[in-house]
Amino acid sequence: MHFCLTAQYTPQALNNLMDNPTTNRYEAAKSLVESAGGKLISMYSTAADGPGVMVVFDVPDSNAAPAISGILVASGAAHNVTLTRLWTPDEIQHVRQKARQLRGAYNPPGK
């Protein structure tokens, strides 16, 4: 299951990064994701809502993604964390097929 995690660094984390600007956050993220049995797909720095990060990863267990998010927050390294489930083209095709099967079971308001 693919997930996208976005977050902003806390002031303490930013100070630590400025003190050691060559620190490899990619390897830290990769290690955490791999410890959950997953694979780090990509990682980018962001600046839209403050200095932050966007990480795309794949984990076999849906419980691993919120656990990873919780570890990040609990460490004090990041805040304003958003975790979004992503679907591959093949996965979304199965979702559409399921929606087609279920469509008749729902009555919109007023109908």
Protein backbone atom coordinates (compact mmCIF):
# COMPACT_ATOMS: atom_id res chain seq x y z
CA MET A 1 0.00 0.00 0.00
CA HIS A 2 1.37 3.34 -1.03
CA PHE A 3 1.22 6.39 1.22
CA CYS A 4 2.29 10.02 0.99
CA LEU A 5 3.38 11.68 4.20
CA THR A 6 3.87 15.43 4.35
CA ALA A 7 5.09 17.34 7.39
CA GLN A 8 6.80 20.50 8.53
CA TYR A 9 9.96 20.37 10.57
CA THR A 10 9.73 21.67 14.14
CA PRO A 11 11.94 24.62 15.13
CA GLN A 12 14.19 22.24 17.08
CA ALA A 13 14.59 19.97 14.05
CA LEU A 14 15.38 22.96 11.83
CA ASN A 15 18.05 24.12 14.27
CA ASN A 16 19.53 20.61 14.30
CA LEU A 17 19.57 20.59 10.48
CA MET A 18 21.30 23.98 10.39
CA ASP A 19 23.87 22.77 12.93
CA ASN A 20 24.53 19.69 10.77
CA PRO A 21 23.49 20.58 7.20
CA THR A 22 24.93 17.41 5.66
CA THR A 23 22.74 15.09 7.76
CA ASN A 24 21.08 12.48 5.55
CA ARG A 25 17.36 12.51 6.28
CA TYR A 26 16.71 10.24 3.29
CA GLU A 27 18.64 7.41 4.95
CA ALA A 28 16.79 7.99 8.23
CA ALA A 29 13.41 7.80 6.46
CA LYS A 30 14.50 4.77 4.44
CA SER A 31 15.60 2.95 7.59
CA LEU A 32 12.28 3.59 9.34
CA VAL A 33 10.17 2.52 6.36
CA GLU A 34 12.28 -0.59 5.76
CA SER A 35 12.01 -1.55 9.44
CA ALA A 36 8.23 -1.70 8.84
CA GLY A 37 8.79 -4.06 5.91
CA GLY A 38 8.29 -1.30 3.36
CA LYS A 39 10.13 0.54 0.64
CA LEU A 40 10.89 4.25 0.40
CA ILE A 41 9.75 5.36 -3.07
CA SER A 42 10.76 9.03 -2.99
CA MET A 43 11.47 11.91 -0.64
CA TYR A 44 11.44 15.65 -1.29
CA SER A 45 11.99 18.79 0.71
CA THR A 46 9.10 21.25 0.67
CA ALA A 47 8.68 24.91 1.50
CA ALA A 48 5.00 25.67 0.80
CA ASP A 49 3.82 25.69 4.43
CA GLY A 50 7.22 26.11 6.03
CA PRO A 51 10.34 23.98 5.73
CA GLY A 52 9.16 20.43 5.46
CA VAL A 53 9.24 17.09 3.78
CA MET A 54 7.15 14.87 1.51
CA VAL A 55 7.78 11.13 1.59
CA VAL A 56 6.15 8.51 -0.64
CA PHE A 57 6.49 4.94 0.59
CA ASP A 58 5.03 1.48 0.14
CA VAL A 59 4.26 -0.79 3.10
CA PRO A 60 2.59 -4.21 3.08
CA ASP A 61 0.57 -3.55 6.25
CA SER A 62 -1.87 -0.63 6.45
CA ASN A 63 -1.11 -0.27 10.19
CA ALA A 64 2.54 0.49 9.46
CA ALA A 65 1.84 3.87 7.85
CA PRO A 66 0.14 5.51 10.86
CA ALA A 67 2.77 3.92 13.11
CA ILE A 68 5.50 5.58 11.03
CA SER A 69 3.63 8.88 11.22
CA GLY A 70 3.28 8.57 14.99
CA ILE A 71 6.97 7.85 15.44
CA LEU A 72 7.83 10.95 13.42
CA VAL A 73 5.57 13.17 15.53
CA ALA A 74 6.61 11.59 18.85
CA SER A 75 10.27 12.19 18.01
CA GLY A 76 9.64 15.93 18.00
CA ALA A 77 11.10 16.24 14.49
CA ALA A 78 7.90 17.22 12.69
CA HIS A 79 4.41 18.60 13.11
CA ASN A 80 1.42 19.27 10.86
CA VAL A 81 1.76 15.74 9.55
CA THR A 82 -0.64 14.55 6.86
CA LEU A 83 -0.82 10.91 5.82
CA THR A 84 -2.59 10.10 2.56
CA ARG A 85 -3.27 6.65 1.12
CA LEU A 86 -2.31 6.45 -2.56
CA TRP A 87 -3.61 3.94 -5.09
CA THR A 88 -1.71 2.63 -8.10
CA PRO A 89 -3.56 2.54 -11.45
CA ASP A 90 -4.20 -1.21 -10.97
CA GLU A 91 -5.47 -0.70 -7.41
CA ILE A 92 -7.84 2.10 -8.37
CA GLN A 93 -9.33 -0.07 -11.11
CA HIS A 94 -10.36 -2.55 -8.39
CA VAL A 95 -11.86 0.33 -6.38
CA ARG A 96 -13.90 1.40 -9.41
CA GLN A 97 -15.12 -2.15 -9.94
CA LYS A 98 -16.20 -2.34 -6.31
CA ALA A 99 -17.99 1.01 -6.60
CA ARG A 100 -19.86 -0.28 -9.64
CA GLN A 101 -21.01 -3.32 -7.62
CA LEU A 102 -22.14 -1.18 -4.69
CA ARG A 103 -23.69 1.74 -6.59
CA GLY A 104 -27.26 0.42 -6.36
CA ALA A 105 -27.10 0.00 -2.57
CA TYR A 106 -26.99 3.76 -1.89
CA ASN A 107 -29.90 6.19 -2.00
CA PRO A 108 -28.86 9.85 -2.22
CA PRO A 109 -30.64 12.34 0.03
CA GLY A 110 -34.18 13.06 -1.18
CA LYS A 111 -34.43 9.97 -3.39
